[in-house]
Amino acid sequence: MRVSPTLVKYAEPSVYEMETRKELQQAARELMGGSAIAKAPLVDLLEDDGLEIELATTLLYQHSHYSYRQIRERVSGLSAAR
């Protein structure tokens, strides 16, 4: 792959981003506990939930293979502290 050398010399890996991705992947694994991935439709309209549930679900969704609905159900069942 060819890249512009002037841009590459200024680019550095983001330690924060790499560590955050690992932590979110681990959190998704712990939350889902190895449960089976449920079938999901291509389009799934969901009712609005609280902002905290939506935010947590969105962060975990991109780091797992589970459907948004399946993760949201688990997140909704968590205690406020968790």
PDB file of N, CA and C in Angstrom:
ATOM      1  N   MET A   1       0.846  -1.162   0.000  1.00  0.00           N
ATOM      2  CA  MET A   1       0.000   0.000   0.000  1.00  0.00           C
ATOM      3  C   MET A   1       0.898   1.234   0.000  1.00  0.00           C
ATOM      4  N   ARG A   2       0.585   2.166  -0.827  1.00  0.00           N
ATOM      5  CA  ARG A   2       1.357   3.404  -0.898  1.00  0.00           C
ATOM      6  C   ARG A   2       0.694   4.459  -0.023  1.00  0.00           C
ATOM      7  N   VAL A   3       1.502   5.128   0.751  1.00  0.00           N
ATOM      8  CA  VAL A   3       0.996   6.212   1.592  1.00  0.00           C
ATOM      9  C   VAL A   3       1.868   7.441   1.408  1.00  0.00           C
ATOM     10  N   SER A   4       1.343   8.529   1.791  1.00  0.00           N
ATOM     11  CA  SER A   4       2.089   9.777   1.695  1.00  0.00           C
ATOM     12  C   SER A   4       3.103   9.854   2.831  1.00  0.00           C
ATOM     13  N   PRO A   5       4.385   9.879   2.524  1.00  0.00           N
ATOM     14  CA  PRO A   5       5.397   9.899   3.595  1.00  0.00           C
ATOM     15  C   PRO A   5       5.303  11.127   4.483  1.00  0.00           C
ATOM     16  N   THR A   6       4.790  12.228   3.959  1.00  0.00           N
ATOM     17  CA  THR A   6       4.683  13.421   4.799  1.00  0.00           C
ATOM     18  C   THR A   6       3.644  13.253   5.896  1.00  0.00           C
ATOM     19  N   LEU A   7       2.606  12.465   5.633  1.00  0.00           N
ATOM     20  CA  LEU A   7       1.590  12.225   6.657  1.00  0.00           C
ATOM     21  C   LEU A   7       2.014  11.128   7.626  1.00  0.00           C
ATOM     22  N   VAL A   8       2.674  10.110   7.126  1.00  0.00           N
ATOM     23  CA  VAL A   8       3.061   8.979   7.965  1.00  0.00           C
ATOM     24  C   VAL A   8       4.042   9.398   9.049  1.00  0.00           C
ATOM     25  N   LYS A   9       4.918  10.311   8.739  1.00  0.00           N
ATOM     26  CA  LYS A   9       5.919  10.692   9.742  1.00  0.00           C
ATOM     27  C   LYS A   9       5.286  11.393  10.949  1.00  0.00           C
ATOM     28  N   TYR A  10       4.050  11.887  10.800  1.00  0.00           N
ATOM     29  CA  TYR A  10       3.363  12.532  11.915  1.00  0.00           C
ATOM     30  C   TYR A  10       2.386  11.603  12.633  1.00  0.00           C
ATOM     31  N   ALA A  11       2.162  10.453  12.073  1.00  0.00           N
ATOM     32  CA  ALA A  11       1.176   9.525  12.653  1.00  0.00           C
ATOM     33  C   ALA A  11       1.834   8.626  13.691  1.00  0.00           C
ATOM     34  N   GLU A  12       1.174   8.503  14.806  1.00  0.00           N
ATOM     35  CA  GLU A  12       1.621   7.607  15.867  1.00  0.00           C
ATOM     36  C   GLU A  12       0.431   6.801  16.342  1.00  0.00           C
ATOM     37  N   PRO A  13       0.669   5.560  16.752  1.00  0.00           N
ATOM     38  CA  PRO A  13      -0.446   4.759  17.272  1.00  0.00           C
ATOM     39  C   PRO A  13      -1.023   5.417  18.528  1.00  0.00           C
ATOM     40  N   SER A  14      -2.313   5.347  18.663  1.00  0.00           N
ATOM     41  CA  SER A  14      -2.977   5.894  19.837  1.00  0.00           C
ATOM     42  C   SER A  14      -3.088   4.793  20.885  1.00  0.00           C
ATOM     43  N   VAL A  15      -2.289   4.893  21.918  1.00  0.00           N
ATOM     44  CA  VAL A  15      -2.305   3.895  22.990  1.00  0.00           C
ATOM     45  C   VAL A  15      -3.679   3.870  23.649  1.00  0.00           C
ATOM     46  N   TYR A  16      -4.257   5.051  23.842  1.00  0.00           N
ATOM     47  CA  TYR A  16      -5.584   5.137  24.440  1.00  0.00           C
ATOM     48  C   TYR A  16      -6.612   4.362  23.617  1.00  0.00           C
ATOM     49  N   GLU A  17      -6.603   4.567  22.307  1.00  0.00           N
ATOM     50  CA  GLU A  17      -7.571   3.887  21.443  1.00  0.00           C
ATOM     51  C   GLU A  17      -7.365   2.369  21.449  1.00  0.00           C
ATOM     52  N   MET A  18      -6.124   1.928  21.401  1.00  0.00           N
ATOM     53  CA  MET A  18      -5.856   0.484  21.403  1.00  0.00           C
ATOM     54  C   MET A  18      -6.296  -0.154  22.723  1.00  0.00           C
ATOM     55  N   GLU A  19      -6.007   0.485  23.834  1.00  0.00           N
ATOM     56  CA  GLU A  19      -6.393  -0.053  25.141  1.00  0.00           C
ATOM     57  C   GLU A  19      -7.907  -0.032  25.320  1.00  0.00           C
ATOM     58  N   THR A  20      -8.545   1.029  24.857  1.00  0.00           N
ATOM     59  CA  THR A  20     -10.000   1.135  24.965  1.00  0.00           C
ATOM     60  C   THR A  20     -10.684   0.042  24.163  1.00  0.00           C
ATOM     61  N   ARG A  21     -10.198  -0.245  22.973  1.00  0.00           N
ATOM     62  CA  ARG A  21     -10.779  -1.323  22.156  1.00  0.00           C
ATOM     63  C   ARG A  21     -10.668  -2.668  22.866  1.00  0.00           C
ATOM     64  N   LYS A  22      -9.505  -2.943  23.446  1.00  0.00           N
ATOM     65  CA  LYS A  22      -9.322  -4.205  24.174  1.00  0.00           C
ATOM     66  C   LYS A  22     -10.290  -4.298  25.356  1.00  0.00           C
ATOM     67  N   GLU A  23     -10.435  -3.200  26.086  1.00  0.00           N
ATOM     68  CA  GLU A  23     -11.321  -3.191  27.254  1.00  0.00           C
ATOM     69  C   GLU A  23     -12.783  -3.377  26.849  1.00  0.00           C
ATOM     70  N   LEU A  24     -13.196  -2.750  25.745  1.00  0.00           N
ATOM     71  CA  LEU A  24     -14.574  -2.902  25.279  1.00  0.00           C
ATOM     72  C   LEU A  24     -14.835  -4.316  24.764  1.00  0.00           C
ATOM     73  N   GLN A  25     -13.851  -4.918  24.104  1.00  0.00           N
ATOM     74  CA  GLN A  25     -14.000  -6.313  23.666  1.00  0.00           C
ATOM     75  C   GLN A  25     -14.148  -7.235  24.868  1.00  0.00           C
ATOM     76  N   GLN A  26     -13.339  -7.012  25.899  1.00  0.00           N
ATOM     77  CA  GLN A  26     -13.420  -7.813  27.112  1.00  0.00           C
ATOM     78  C   GLN A  26     -14.764  -7.606  27.813  1.00  0.00           C
ATOM     79  N   ALA A  27     -15.227  -6.376  27.879  1.00  0.00           N
ATOM     80  CA  ALA A  27     -16.513  -6.085  28.513  1.00  0.00           C
ATOM     81  C   ALA A  27     -17.655  -6.772  27.766  1.00  0.00           C
ATOM     82  N   ALA A  28     -17.604  -6.765  26.444  1.00  0.00           N
ATOM     83  CA  ALA A  28     -18.643  -7.430  25.647  1.00  0.00           C
ATOM     84  C   ALA A  28     -18.615  -8.935  25.881  1.00  0.00           C
ATOM     85  N   ARG A  29     -17.419  -9.531  25.951  1.00  0.00           N
ATOM     86  CA  ARG A  29     -17.312 -10.975  26.232  1.00  0.00           C
ATOM     87  C   ARG A  29     -17.889 -11.314  27.601  1.00  0.00           C
ATOM     88  N   GLU A  30     -17.544 -10.509  28.603  1.00  0.00           N
ATOM     89  CA  GLU A  30     -18.050 -10.758  29.954  1.00  0.00           C
ATOM     90  C   GLU A  30     -19.565 -10.581  30.025  1.00  0.00           C
ATOM     91  N   LEU A  31     -20.076  -9.558  29.376  1.00  0.00           N
ATOM     92  CA  LEU A  31     -21.509  -9.282  29.413  1.00  0.00           C
ATOM     93  C   LEU A  31     -22.306 -10.403  28.755  1.00  0.00           C
ATOM     94  N   MET A  32     -21.861 -10.841  27.607  1.00  0.00           N
ATOM     95  CA  MET A  32     -22.619 -11.843  26.854  1.00  0.00           C
ATOM     96  C   MET A  32     -22.355 -13.256  27.368  1.00  0.00           C
ATOM     97  N   GLY A  33     -21.279 -13.461  28.081  1.00  0.00           N
ATOM     98  CA  GLY A  33     -21.019 -14.735  28.732  1.00  0.00           C
ATOM     99  C   GLY A  33     -21.028 -15.948  27.818  1.00  0.00           C
ATOM    100  N   GLY A  34     -20.620 -15.790  26.576  1.00  0.00           N
ATOM    101  CA  GLY A  34     -20.564 -16.917  25.664  1.00  0.00           C
ATOM    102  C   GLY A  34     -21.918 -17.420  25.199  1.00  0.00           C
ATOM    103  N   SER A  35     -22.957 -16.623  25.369  1.00  0.00           N
ATOM    104  CA  SER A  35     -24.285 -17.059  24.932  1.00  0.00           C
ATOM    105  C   SER A  35     -24.324 -17.145  23.405  1.00  0.00           C
ATOM    106  N   ALA A  36     -25.254 -17.928  22.912  1.00  0.00           N
ATOM    107  CA  ALA A  36     -25.387 -18.120  21.468  1.00  0.00           C
ATOM    108  C   ALA A  36     -25.822 -16.824  20.795  1.00  0.00           C
ATOM    109  N   ILE A  37     -25.335 -16.616  19.592  1.00  0.00           N
ATOM    110  CA  ILE A  37     -25.732 -15.444  18.828  1.00  0.00           C
ATOM    111  C   ILE A  37     -27.107 -15.703  18.226  1.00  0.00           C
ATOM    112  N   ALA A  38     -28.069 -14.887  18.610  1.00  0.00           N
ATOM    113  CA  ALA A  38     -29.448 -15.064  18.148  1.00  0.00           C
ATOM    114  C   ALA A  38     -29.601 -14.517  16.731  1.00  0.00           C
ATOM    115  N   LYS A  39     -30.503 -15.131  15.970  1.00  0.00           N
ATOM    116  CA  LYS A  39     -30.796 -14.607  14.640  1.00  0.00           C
ATOM    117  C   LYS A  39     -31.445 -13.240  14.782  1.00  0.00           C
ATOM    118  N   ALA A  40     -31.115 -12.361  13.843  1.00  0.00           N
ATOM    119  CA  ALA A  40     -31.675 -11.013  13.878  1.00  0.00           C
ATOM    120  C   ALA A  40     -32.057 -10.598  12.461  1.00  0.00           C
ATOM    121  N   PRO A  41     -33.133  -9.849  12.333  1.00  0.00           N
ATOM    122  CA  PRO A  41     -33.503  -9.352  11.002  1.00  0.00           C
ATOM    123  C   PRO A  41     -32.497  -8.312  10.520  1.00  0.00           C
ATOM    124  N   LEU A  42     -32.481  -8.067   9.219  1.00  0.00           N
ATOM    125  CA  LEU A  42     -31.570  -7.060   8.677  1.00  0.00           C
ATOM    126  C   LEU A  42     -31.873  -5.675   9.221  1.00  0.00           C
ATOM    127  N   VAL A  43     -33.157  -5.385   9.388  1.00  0.00           N
ATOM    128  CA  VAL A  43     -33.579  -4.109   9.959  1.00  0.00           C
ATOM    129  C   VAL A  43     -34.440  -4.411  11.172  1.00  0.00           C
ATOM    130  N   ASP A  44     -34.100  -3.793  12.293  1.00  0.00           N
ATOM    131  CA  ASP A  44     -34.803  -4.067  13.538  1.00  0.00           C
ATOM    132  C   ASP A  44     -35.083  -2.737  14.228  1.00  0.00           C
ATOM    133  N   LEU A  45     -36.331  -2.311  14.212  1.00  0.00           N
ATOM    134  CA  LEU A  45     -36.695  -1.052  14.849  1.00  0.00           C
ATOM    135  C   LEU A  45     -36.922  -1.274  16.335  1.00  0.00           C
ATOM    136  N   LEU A  46     -36.255  -0.469  17.139  1.00  0.00           N
ATOM    137  CA  LEU A  46     -36.335  -0.612  18.589  1.00  0.00           C
ATOM    138  C   LEU A  46     -36.945   0.631  19.207  1.00  0.00           C
ATOM    139  N   GLU A  47     -37.628   0.431  20.324  1.00  0.00           N
ATOM    140  CA  GLU A  47     -38.168   1.555  21.081  1.00  0.00           C
ATOM    141  C   GLU A  47     -37.005   2.293  21.735  1.00  0.00           C
ATOM    142  N   ASP A  48     -37.216   3.561  22.027  1.00  0.00           N
ATOM    143  CA  ASP A  48     -36.179   4.347  22.688  1.00  0.00           C
ATOM    144  C   ASP A  48     -35.964   3.847  24.108  1.00  0.00           C
ATOM    145  N   ASP A  49     -34.704   3.798  24.488  1.00  0.00           N
ATOM    146  CA  ASP A  49     -34.320   3.476  25.858  1.00  0.00           C
ATOM    147  C   ASP A  49     -33.634   4.693  26.442  1.00  0.00           C
ATOM    148  N   GLY A  50     -33.252   4.572  27.665  1.00  0.00           N
ATOM    149  CA  GLY A  50     -32.519   5.663  28.294  1.00  0.00           C
ATOM    150  C   GLY A  50     -31.184   5.886  27.597  1.00  0.00           C
ATOM    151  N   LEU A  51     -30.652   7.078  27.747  1.00  0.00           N
ATOM    152  CA  LEU A  51     -29.400   7.440  27.096  1.00  0.00           C
ATOM    153  C   LEU A  51     -28.252   6.530  27.534  1.00  0.00           C
ATOM    154  N   GLU A  52     -28.205   6.174  28.819  1.00  0.00           N
ATOM    155  CA  GLU A  52     -27.130   5.337  29.329  1.00  0.00           C
ATOM    156  C   GLU A  52     -27.152   3.954  28.673  1.00  0.00           C
ATOM    157  N   ILE A  53     -28.350   3.402  28.511  1.00  0.00           N
ATOM    158  CA  ILE A  53     -28.480   2.076  27.888  1.00  0.00           C
ATOM    159  C   ILE A  53     -28.077   2.145  26.423  1.00  0.00           C
ATOM    160  N   GLU A  54     -28.525   3.168  25.738  1.00  0.00           N
ATOM    161  CA  GLU A  54     -28.180   3.325  24.321  1.00  0.00           C
ATOM    162  C   GLU A  54     -26.679   3.511  24.135  1.00  0.00           C
ATOM    163  N   LEU A  55     -26.069   4.314  24.972  1.00  0.00           N
ATOM    164  CA  LEU A  55     -24.639   4.569  24.877  1.00  0.00           C
ATOM    165  C   LEU A  55     -23.825   3.305  25.143  1.00  0.00           C
ATOM    166  N   ALA A  56     -24.143   2.598  26.217  1.00  0.00           N
ATOM    167  CA  ALA A  56     -23.418   1.374  26.551  1.00  0.00           C
ATOM    168  C   ALA A  56     -23.604   0.317  25.464  1.00  0.00           C
ATOM    169  N   THR A  57     -24.818   0.181  24.957  1.00  0.00           N
ATOM    170  CA  THR A  57     -25.094  -0.799  23.908  1.00  0.00           C
ATOM    171  C   THR A  57     -24.306  -0.476  22.648  1.00  0.00           C
ATOM    172  N   THR A  58     -24.288   0.776  22.266  1.00  0.00           N
ATOM    173  CA  THR A  58     -23.573   1.191  21.063  1.00  0.00           C
ATOM    174  C   THR A  58     -22.078   0.951  21.190  1.00  0.00           C
ATOM    175  N   LEU A  59     -21.503   1.257  22.344  1.00  0.00           N
ATOM    176  CA  LEU A  59     -20.070   1.027  22.545  1.00  0.00           C
ATOM    177  C   LEU A  59     -19.715  -0.458  22.473  1.00  0.00           C
ATOM    178  N   LEU A  60     -20.558  -1.308  23.062  1.00  0.00           N
ATOM    179  CA  LEU A  60     -20.273  -2.747  23.073  1.00  0.00           C
ATOM    180  C   LEU A  60     -20.575  -3.412  21.735  1.00  0.00           C
ATOM    181  N   TYR A  61     -21.572  -2.916  21.026  1.00  0.00           N
ATOM    182  CA  TYR A  61     -22.004  -3.520  19.763  1.00  0.00           C
ATOM    183  C   TYR A  61     -20.879  -3.600  18.744  1.00  0.00           C
ATOM    184  N   GLN A  62     -20.098  -2.550  18.629  1.00  0.00           N
ATOM    185  CA  GLN A  62     -19.051  -2.529  17.620  1.00  0.00           C
ATOM    186  C   GLN A  62     -17.871  -3.435  17.958  1.00  0.00           C
ATOM    187  N   HIS A  63     -17.891  -4.036  19.141  1.00  0.00           N
ATOM    188  CA  HIS A  63     -16.791  -4.910  19.551  1.00  0.00           C
ATOM    189  C   HIS A  63     -17.245  -6.347  19.783  1.00  0.00           C
ATOM    190  N   SER A  64     -18.361  -6.722  19.184  1.00  0.00           N
ATOM    191  CA  SER A  64     -18.853  -8.099  19.326  1.00  0.00           C
ATOM    192  C   SER A  64     -19.615  -8.502  18.069  1.00  0.00           C
ATOM    193  N   HIS A  65     -20.040  -9.753  18.029  1.00  0.00           N
ATOM    194  CA  HIS A  65     -20.777 -10.265  16.878  1.00  0.00           C
ATOM    195  C   HIS A  65     -22.266 -10.419  17.187  1.00  0.00           C
ATOM    196  N   TYR A  66     -22.696  -9.964  18.336  1.00  0.00           N
ATOM    197  CA  TYR A  66     -24.094 -10.078  18.726  1.00  0.00           C
ATOM    198  C   TYR A  66     -24.920  -8.958  18.110  1.00  0.00           C
ATOM    199  N   SER A  67     -26.226  -9.185  17.989  1.00  0.00           N
ATOM    200  CA  SER A  67     -27.098  -8.148  17.449  1.00  0.00           C
ATOM    201  C   SER A  67     -27.246  -7.027  18.479  1.00  0.00           C
ATOM    202  N   TYR A  68     -27.600  -5.872  17.970  1.00  0.00           N
ATOM    203  CA  TYR A  68     -27.800  -4.711  18.843  1.00  0.00           C
ATOM    204  C   TYR A  68     -28.879  -5.011  19.876  1.00  0.00           C
ATOM    205  N   ARG A  69     -29.974  -5.652  19.426  1.00  0.00           N
ATOM    206  CA  ARG A  69     -31.076  -5.984  20.330  1.00  0.00           C
ATOM    207  C   ARG A  69     -30.618  -6.932  21.440  1.00  0.00           C
ATOM    208  N   GLN A  70     -29.816  -7.936  21.079  1.00  0.00           N
ATOM    209  CA  GLN A  70     -29.372  -8.919  22.061  1.00  0.00           C
ATOM    210  C   GLN A  70     -28.474  -8.260  23.115  1.00  0.00           C
ATOM    211  N   ILE A  71     -27.599  -7.379  22.688  1.00  0.00           N
ATOM    212  CA  ILE A  71     -26.735  -6.674  23.638  1.00  0.00           C
ATOM    213  C   ILE A  71     -27.567  -5.718  24.490  1.00  0.00           C
ATOM    214  N   ARG A  72     -28.514  -5.028  23.867  1.00  0.00           N
ATOM    215  CA  ARG A  72     -29.346  -4.070  24.598  1.00  0.00           C
ATOM    216  C   ARG A  72     -30.155  -4.767  25.697  1.00  0.00           C
ATOM    217  N   GLU A  73     -30.642  -5.969  25.411  1.00  0.00           N
ATOM    218  CA  GLU A  73     -31.397  -6.710  26.436  1.00  0.00           C
ATOM    219  C   GLU A  73     -30.518  -7.001  27.647  1.00  0.00           C
ATOM    220  N   ARG A  74     -29.258  -7.373  27.392  1.00  0.00           N
ATOM    221  CA  ARG A  74     -28.338  -7.643  28.512  1.00  0.00           C
ATOM    222  C   ARG A  74     -28.004  -6.362  29.268  1.00  0.00           C
ATOM    223  N   VAL A  75     -27.730  -5.308  28.528  1.00  0.00           N
ATOM    224  CA  VAL A  75     -27.382  -4.030  29.155  1.00  0.00           C
ATOM    225  C   VAL A  75     -28.544  -3.515  29.991  1.00  0.00           C
ATOM    226  N   SER A  76     -29.766  -3.678  29.497  1.00  0.00           N
ATOM    227  CA  SER A  76     -30.954  -3.215  30.221  1.00  0.00           C
ATOM    228  C   SER A  76     -31.112  -3.935  31.551  1.00  0.00           C
ATOM    229  N   GLY A  77     -30.630  -5.164  31.639  1.00  0.00           N
ATOM    230  CA  GLY A  77     -30.764  -5.950  32.857  1.00  0.00           C
ATOM    231  C   GLY A  77     -29.682  -5.690  33.880  1.00  0.00           C
ATOM    232  N   LEU A  78     -28.706  -4.867  33.544  1.00  0.00           N
ATOM    233  CA  LEU A  78     -27.607  -4.574  34.466  1.00  0.00           C
ATOM    234  C   LEU A  78     -28.030  -3.592  35.554  1.00  0.00           C
ATOM    235  N   SER A  79     -27.367  -3.666  36.679  1.00  0.00           N
ATOM    236  CA  SER A  79     -27.615  -2.693  37.744  1.00  0.00           C
ATOM    237  C   SER A  79     -27.023  -1.348  37.340  1.00  0.00           C
ATOM    238  N   ALA A  80     -27.447  -0.290  37.974  1.00  0.00           N
ATOM    239  CA  ALA A  80     -26.954   1.048  37.644  1.00  0.00           C
ATOM    240  C   ALA A  80     -25.449   1.145  37.877  1.00  0.00           C
ATOM    241  N   ALA A  81     -24.956   0.499  38.917  1.00  0.00           N
ATOM    242  CA  ALA A  81     -23.526   0.540  39.206  1.00  0.00           C
ATOM    243  C   ALA A  81     -22.705  -0.183  38.150  1.00  0.00           C
ATOM    244  N   ARG A  82     -23.229  -1.278  37.659  1.00  0.00           N
ATOM    245  CA  ARG A  82     -22.513  -2.059  36.631  1.00  0.00           C
ATOM    246  C   ARG A  82     -22.479  -1.288  35.348  1.00  0.00           C
TER     247      ARG A  82
END
